[in-house]
Protein backbone atom coordinates (compact mmCIF):
# COMPACT_ATOMS: atom_id res chain seq x y z
CA MET A 1 -0.35 0.20 0.16
CA ARG A 2 1.10 3.95 -1.14
CA ARG A 3 1.45 6.63 1.46
CA PRO A 4 -1.19 8.42 1.65
CA ASP A 5 -1.31 11.61 0.32
CA VAL A 6 0.70 14.27 3.20
CA ILE A 7 -0.92 17.41 4.13
CA THR A 8 1.41 19.87 5.13
CA PRO A 9 1.03 22.10 7.91
CA ALA A 10 0.44 25.43 8.61
CA PRO A 11 2.79 26.98 10.60
CA GLY A 12 1.96 26.10 14.36
CA GLN A 13 0.77 23.07 13.35
CA GLU A 14 2.62 19.64 13.44
CA SER A 15 2.15 16.61 11.36
CA VAL A 16 1.56 12.89 12.10
CA TRP A 17 4.13 11.77 9.34
CA ASP A 18 6.86 14.02 10.74
CA TYR A 19 6.35 11.80 13.76
CA PRO A 20 9.08 8.92 14.57
CA ARG A 21 8.77 5.07 14.59
CA PRO A 22 9.67 3.39 17.03
CA PRO A 23 8.05 6.35 18.44
CA ARG A 24 8.95 9.16 21.08
CA VAL A 25 7.79 10.10 24.57
CA GLU A 26 7.45 13.95 25.51
CA ARG A 27 6.28 16.19 28.14
CA VAL A 28 3.11 17.89 27.62
CA ALA A 29 3.55 21.82 28.59
CA GLU A 30 -0.45 22.20 28.22
CA ARG A 31 -2.94 21.00 30.87
CA VAL A 32 -5.10 18.22 30.07
CA THR A 33 -8.41 17.30 31.60
CA ILE A 34 -10.91 14.48 30.58
CA ARG A 35 -14.40 14.41 31.98
CA LEU A 36 -17.01 11.79 32.63
CA GLY A 37 -20.31 11.41 33.62
CA GLY A 38 -20.92 14.84 34.34
CA GLU A 39 -17.70 15.08 36.13
CA LEU A 40 -13.93 15.78 36.10
CA VAL A 41 -12.06 12.87 36.83
CA ALA A 42 -8.45 13.88 35.45
CA ASP A 43 -6.91 17.45 35.41
CA THR A 44 -3.12 17.81 34.83
CA THR A 45 0.07 19.52 34.16
CA ASP A 46 1.79 16.69 34.15
CA ALA A 47 0.91 14.33 30.95
CA VAL A 48 3.27 13.21 28.36
CA ARG A 49 2.46 11.82 25.26
CA VAL A 50 4.24 9.30 22.17
CA LEU A 51 4.55 10.74 18.91
CA GLU A 52 4.25 7.17 16.24
CA THR A 53 4.61 7.79 12.67
CA SER A 54 0.73 8.20 11.00
CA HIS A 55 -0.57 8.80 14.23
CA PRO A 56 -2.22 11.40 16.38
CA PRO A 57 -0.46 11.89 19.70
CA VAL A 58 -1.48 9.79 22.57
CA PHE A 59 -1.64 11.44 25.94
CA TYR A 60 -0.43 9.76 29.11
CA LEU A 61 -1.60 11.49 32.17
CA PRO A 62 -0.26 10.11 36.27
CA ILE A 63 -2.72 7.69 37.92
CA ALA A 64 -2.29 10.00 40.70
CA ASP A 65 -3.91 12.82 38.69
CA PHE A 66 -7.44 11.11 38.26
CA VAL A 67 -10.12 11.42 40.82
CA ASP A 68 -10.33 8.63 43.79
CA GLY A 69 -12.18 5.90 41.89
CA ALA A 70 -12.37 6.91 38.45
CA LEU A 71 -9.70 4.40 37.49
CA SER A 72 -10.37 0.23 37.90
CA ASP A 73 -8.96 -3.06 36.25
CA ALA A 74 -11.07 -4.10 33.86
CA PRO A 75 -10.36 -7.50 31.74
CA GLY A 76 -7.77 -7.87 28.95
CA SER A 77 -4.65 -6.79 27.64
CA SER A 78 -2.81 -6.70 24.86
CA PHE A 79 0.75 -6.13 23.17
CA CYS A 80 2.53 -3.42 21.62
CA GLU A 81 6.04 -3.76 20.06
CA PHE A 82 7.49 -0.81 21.24
CA LYS A 83 5.93 -0.63 24.77
CA GLY A 84 5.45 -3.56 26.14
CA GLU A 85 2.31 -5.62 27.75
CA ALA A 86 -0.82 -3.29 28.64
CA ARG A 87 -3.49 -3.84 31.05
CA TYR A 88 -6.67 -2.25 29.83
CA LEU A 89 -8.89 -0.04 32.80
CA ASP A 90 -12.75 1.54 33.27
CA VAL A 91 -13.46 5.05 34.31
CA ARG A 92 -16.20 5.94 36.34
CA GLY A 93 -17.30 9.42 36.02
CA GLY A 94 -20.41 9.45 38.01
CA ALA A 95 -22.80 7.06 37.80
CA VAL A 96 -21.07 6.21 33.90
CA VAL A 97 -18.56 3.71 33.64
CA ALA A 98 -16.38 3.70 29.99
CA ALA A 99 -15.23 -0.19 30.41
CA GLY A 100 -11.99 -0.82 29.43
CA ALA A 101 -11.71 2.75 27.88
CA ALA A 102 -7.85 3.23 29.16
CA TRP A 103 -4.99 2.07 29.57
CA ASN A 104 -1.26 1.83 30.39
CA TYR A 105 2.04 0.25 30.90
CA PRO A 106 2.41 -1.35 34.64
CA HIS A 107 6.34 -2.30 33.17
CA PRO A 108 6.90 -0.67 29.90
CA THR A 109 10.16 -1.86 27.60
CA ARG A 110 13.39 -0.06 28.13
CA GLY A 111 12.66 4.25 26.54
CA PHE A 112 9.57 4.09 27.99
CA GLU A 113 9.61 4.01 31.78
CA ALA A 114 7.84 7.55 31.73
CA LEU A 115 5.21 5.38 31.00
CA SER A 116 5.16 3.20 34.32
CA ASP A 117 2.61 5.26 36.43
CA ARG A 118 0.60 6.99 34.06
CA VAL A 119 -2.70 6.39 31.66
CA ALA A 120 -3.61 6.97 28.36
CA VAL A 121 -7.58 7.10 27.68
CA TYR A 122 -9.68 6.96 24.81
CA ALA A 123 -11.96 10.19 24.11
CA GLY A 124 -14.68 8.48 22.33
CA PRO A 125 -16.44 7.20 25.36
CA MET A 126 -15.52 10.60 27.52
CA ASP A 127 -17.75 12.87 28.02
CA GLU A 128 -14.59 16.03 27.17
CA CYS A 129 -10.79 15.26 26.78
CA THR A 130 -8.99 18.79 26.25
CA VAL A 131 -5.52 20.28 25.69
CA GLY A 132 -4.55 23.62 26.23
CA GLY A 133 -8.34 23.93 26.81
CA GLU A 134 -9.51 22.84 23.20
CA VAL A 135 -11.62 19.60 23.19
CA VAL A 136 -9.76 17.26 21.62
CA VAL A 137 -11.32 15.08 18.57
CA PRO A 138 -10.39 10.87 18.96
CA GLN A 139 -8.31 9.41 16.31
CA PRO A 140 -10.55 7.70 14.00
CA GLY A 141 -11.75 3.80 13.73
CA GLY A 142 -11.81 3.14 17.29
CA PHE A 143 -9.53 1.05 17.50
CA TYR A 144 -6.01 3.27 18.19
CA GLY A 145 -6.10 6.14 21.22
CA GLY A 146 -5.18 9.19 19.90
CA TRP A 147 -6.25 12.76 20.22
CA VAL A 148 -7.22 15.29 17.17
CA THR A 149 -6.22 18.66 17.72
CA SER A 150 -5.69 21.69 15.95
CA THR A 151 -2.13 21.61 16.13
CA VAL A 152 -2.18 18.35 14.02
CA VAL A 153 -2.80 17.03 10.67
CA GLY A 154 -2.42 13.79 8.95
CA PRO A 155 -4.10 11.71 7.10
CA PHE A 156 -4.43 9.80 10.78
CA LYS A 157 -3.93 5.76 10.63
CA GLY A 158 -7.31 4.85 11.71
CA VAL A 159 -9.48 6.10 8.36
CA PRO A 160 -10.97 3.22 5.80
CA GLY A 161 -7.80 2.03 4.17
CA SER A 162 -4.90 2.73 6.37
CA MET A 163 -4.60 -0.73 7.61
CA GLY A 164 -1.37 -1.27 5.71
CA TRP A 165 -0.29 2.46 6.46
């Protein structure tokens, strides 16, 4: 499959096609929030993001910055060739439980140690996720957990026909 036509970033934007493979972890300067069930379930200025070719950034928040009771173990696991084995978590806000809507790497592989005490959340099941006050859009396709903001351009892995990218 050939590489798709890449969107040229405007000033202040990044192309996900300039992100590395294997991925890179970097600190985020902006405030990141997550709301579910009408409640604020996470709020941090200590997030990191994982940048990988063709994917919008995946944001990882410190477990300690989720409200008590917002995260609980969920069934299942998965394996990333770069980060290692992930466990899944349910996210609870108010009377709403988003089953398996978060994950973390308790024992990540070398180079990804910064993720061990952090959690990533699928934006789709949440009421709202924000980065720097901007409401994010979930990465297309439902499988990947990237967050799309106005600062990134694609096309993004997850759209129909992107499996071979």
